[in-house]
Amino acid sequence: VTTSFDSSTGTNPFTITADSTSGLEVTVGGSFDINFDFTQVTTVADLQLLATYFTNAITSTLDDEGNLPSGASIELTTICGVDLATATDPVECSSTSSAIEYTSTMYLAHDADAEAITTSVSDALSNPTTIQGVTSAVIAEASAGVSVPLIQVTTSGSLSVTNFDTTSFTADETAEAF
């Protein structure tokens, strides 16, 4: 059995990993639909970057909600109808598929309730609030200075001001204000 101890937390000194000789390796797979515009995804590089965004978002969201066991991993297998393992350029995302397919691999102690844990992961990824959290995290990560045009956010609006006193403004300030 591979063991490790994190003295900073002082919890569970025995961690089950892929190299362990005892314990359970549990894999759960599934899919969820998402309201997302995949039309900008045209290359394998775009698809892989999007997969990274979703993997990070799913992992952090499930972890924040307490639904992801320590050491568990999330791997996306299909985005917008395109298999990530066999994708080639040009990528042609299905305009009718908004599904994200995933697998999650977990290494658990031999006495862990694997069914309850896998159900927790699957249920979380079926919850609209969780999916909204994932979507928000993807948009935030994509908006953080990455130059790939995967996500476009458009905002518009107008400002109407009444009783705005400009009598003390200089000509330049008045021009700038209007």
Protein backbone atom coordinates (compact mmCIF):
# COMPACT_ATOMS: atom_id res chain seq x y z
CA VAL A 1 0.00 0.00 0.00
CA THR A 2 1.29 3.43 -0.92
CA THR A 3 0.94 5.82 1.97
CA SER A 4 1.49 9.51 2.32
CA PHE A 5 0.95 11.98 5.12
CA ASP A 6 0.24 15.65 4.78
CA SER A 7 1.38 17.15 8.06
CA SER A 8 -0.27 20.47 7.21
CA THR A 9 -3.76 19.00 7.54
CA GLY A 10 -3.14 16.17 9.95
CA THR A 11 -5.97 14.17 8.34
CA ASN A 12 -6.05 10.70 6.83
CA PRO A 13 -2.41 9.63 6.89
CA PHE A 14 -3.14 6.79 4.45
CA THR A 15 -4.04 7.90 0.96
CA ILE A 16 -5.14 5.37 -1.66
CA THR A 17 -3.59 6.11 -5.07
CA ALA A 18 -3.31 4.45 -8.49
CA ASP A 19 -0.18 2.69 -7.21
CA SER A 20 -1.85 1.24 -4.13
CA THR A 21 -2.14 -2.52 -3.74
CA SER A 22 -5.33 -2.27 -1.70
CA GLY A 23 -8.36 -0.08 -1.95
CA LEU A 24 -10.85 0.56 -4.72
CA GLU A 25 -10.42 2.20 -8.09
CA VAL A 26 -13.86 3.50 -9.05
CA THR A 27 -14.70 5.07 -12.38
CA VAL A 28 -17.99 6.79 -13.05
CA GLY A 29 -19.02 8.23 -16.38
CA GLY A 30 -21.84 10.37 -17.56
CA SER A 31 -22.85 13.43 -19.47
CA PHE A 32 -24.62 16.68 -18.92
CA ASP A 33 -26.11 19.26 -21.26
CA ILE A 34 -24.98 22.83 -21.17
CA ASN A 35 -26.23 26.01 -22.82
CA PHE A 36 -23.05 26.99 -24.59
CA ASP A 37 -22.18 28.32 -28.04
CA PHE A 38 -19.64 25.94 -29.56
CA THR A 39 -19.53 27.62 -33.00
CA GLN A 40 -16.17 29.29 -32.24
CA VAL A 41 -14.53 25.90 -31.63
CA THR A 42 -12.90 25.11 -34.99
CA THR A 43 -9.51 23.53 -34.17
CA VAL A 44 -8.26 20.70 -31.96
CA ALA A 45 -6.28 23.31 -29.99
CA ASP A 46 -9.52 25.24 -29.30
CA LEU A 47 -11.23 22.00 -28.29
CA GLN A 48 -8.37 20.97 -25.97
CA LEU A 49 -8.32 24.42 -24.37
CA LEU A 50 -12.08 24.26 -23.84
CA ALA A 51 -11.68 20.77 -22.35
CA THR A 52 -9.09 22.17 -19.93
CA TYR A 53 -11.46 24.97 -18.93
CA PHE A 54 -14.32 22.52 -18.32
CA THR A 55 -12.11 20.02 -16.49
CA ASN A 56 -10.81 22.75 -14.17
CA ALA A 57 -14.32 24.13 -13.64
CA ILE A 58 -15.92 20.74 -12.94
CA THR A 59 -13.12 19.72 -10.59
CA SER A 60 -13.16 22.96 -8.61
CA THR A 61 -16.97 23.14 -8.48
CA LEU A 62 -17.36 19.55 -7.28
CA ASP A 63 -14.51 20.02 -4.82
CA ASP A 64 -16.03 23.25 -3.46
CA GLU A 65 -19.36 21.45 -2.99
CA GLY A 66 -17.66 18.55 -1.19
CA ASN A 67 -18.67 16.08 -3.90
CA LEU A 68 -15.21 15.08 -5.13
CA PRO A 69 -13.09 12.72 -3.05
CA SER A 70 -9.48 13.65 -2.46
CA GLY A 71 -7.31 12.52 -5.36
CA ALA A 72 -10.21 12.04 -7.77
CA SER A 73 -9.74 13.13 -11.36
CA ILE A 74 -12.16 14.31 -14.03
CA GLU A 75 -11.51 13.64 -17.69
CA LEU A 76 -13.70 14.92 -20.49
CA THR A 77 -14.24 12.46 -23.33
CA THR A 78 -16.61 14.31 -25.67
CA ILE A 79 -17.52 17.95 -26.20
CA CYS A 80 -20.23 19.08 -28.65
CA GLY A 81 -20.36 15.64 -30.22
CA VAL A 82 -16.59 15.51 -30.87
CA ASP A 83 -14.53 12.72 -29.28
CA LEU A 84 -11.47 14.37 -27.71
CA ALA A 85 -9.27 11.31 -28.30
CA THR A 86 -9.85 11.24 -32.05
CA ALA A 87 -10.53 14.90 -32.94
CA THR A 88 -8.82 16.28 -36.03
CA ASP A 89 -8.71 19.70 -37.67
CA PRO A 90 -10.99 21.24 -38.69
CA VAL A 91 -13.21 20.49 -35.70
CA GLU A 92 -16.87 20.42 -36.55
CA CYS A 93 -18.93 20.78 -33.41
CA SER A 94 -22.45 19.48 -33.70
CA SER A 95 -24.91 22.33 -33.68
CA THR A 96 -27.47 20.02 -32.06
CA SER A 97 -25.31 18.54 -29.29
CA SER A 98 -24.66 20.55 -26.18
CA ALA A 99 -23.52 17.54 -24.19
CA ILE A 100 -20.29 17.23 -22.26
CA GLU A 101 -19.32 13.62 -21.59
CA TYR A 102 -16.93 12.80 -18.76
CA THR A 103 -15.34 10.10 -16.66
CA SER A 104 -14.22 10.46 -13.08
CA THR A 105 -11.68 8.10 -11.54
CA MET A 106 -11.45 7.84 -7.78
CA TYR A 107 -9.16 5.83 -5.52
CA LEU A 108 -11.00 4.93 -2.34
CA ALA A 109 -10.32 2.98 0.82
CA HIS A 110 -11.51 -0.63 0.64
CA ASP A 111 -14.36 0.11 3.05
CA ALA A 112 -15.58 3.28 1.32
CA ASP A 113 -19.18 3.49 0.17
CA ALA A 114 -18.34 3.64 -3.53
CA GLU A 115 -21.98 3.70 -4.60
CA ALA A 116 -22.78 6.72 -2.43
CA ILE A 117 -19.66 8.54 -3.63
CA THR A 118 -20.31 7.91 -7.33
CA THR A 119 -23.97 8.85 -6.89
CA SER A 120 -22.86 12.09 -5.25
CA VAL A 121 -20.68 12.98 -8.25
CA SER A 122 -23.37 12.02 -10.78
CA ASP A 123 -26.11 13.85 -8.88
CA ALA A 124 -23.98 16.99 -8.59
CA LEU A 125 -23.40 17.00 -12.35
CA SER A 126 -27.15 16.68 -12.88
CA ASN A 127 -27.90 19.68 -10.68
CA PRO A 128 -28.64 22.91 -12.60
CA THR A 129 -26.96 25.00 -9.88
CA THR A 130 -23.74 22.98 -10.24
CA ILE A 131 -23.84 23.27 -14.03
CA GLN A 132 -24.34 27.04 -13.74
CA GLY A 133 -21.30 27.15 -11.45
CA VAL A 134 -19.29 25.18 -14.00
CA THR A 135 -20.39 27.49 -16.83
CA SER A 136 -19.54 30.59 -14.81
CA ALA A 137 -16.10 29.20 -13.98
CA VAL A 138 -15.43 28.39 -17.66
CA ILE A 139 -16.42 31.90 -18.72
CA ALA A 140 -14.26 33.42 -15.99
CA GLU A 141 -11.22 31.35 -16.96
CA ALA A 142 -11.67 32.04 -20.67
CA SER A 143 -12.04 35.75 -19.99
CA ALA A 144 -8.81 35.90 -17.98
CA GLY A 145 -6.63 37.01 -20.86
CA VAL A 146 -6.68 33.95 -23.12
CA SER A 147 -6.64 34.96 -26.75
CA VAL A 148 -8.54 31.98 -28.19
CA PRO A 149 -12.00 33.19 -29.26
CA LEU A 150 -13.95 30.43 -27.52
CA ILE A 151 -16.45 32.50 -25.63
CA GLN A 152 -17.94 35.77 -26.64
CA VAL A 153 -19.74 37.84 -24.06
CA THR A 154 -21.60 40.83 -25.40
CA THR A 155 -23.01 43.52 -23.17
CA SER A 156 -24.89 46.60 -24.17
CA GLY A 157 -26.82 49.33 -22.47
CA SER A 158 -27.40 53.01 -22.21
CA LEU A 159 -27.18 55.66 -19.53
CA SER A 160 -29.71 58.39 -19.08
CA VAL A 161 -28.95 61.25 -16.72
CA THR A 162 -31.22 64.16 -15.83
CA ASN A 163 -30.48 67.25 -13.76
CA PHE A 164 -26.74 66.94 -14.38
CA ASP A 165 -25.17 70.30 -13.50
CA THR A 166 -22.30 71.16 -15.83
CA THR A 167 -22.08 74.86 -15.06
CA SER A 168 -18.75 74.45 -13.24
CA PHE A 169 -17.20 72.37 -16.07
CA THR A 170 -14.53 73.71 -18.41
CA ALA A 171 -15.13 73.36 -22.15
CA ASP A 172 -12.89 70.26 -22.24
CA GLU A 173 -14.71 68.65 -19.30
CA THR A 174 -18.08 69.34 -20.91
CA ALA A 175 -16.91 67.79 -24.20
CA GLU A 176 -15.60 64.74 -22.33
CA ALA A 177 -18.83 64.33 -20.38
CA PHE A 178 -20.94 64.35 -23.53
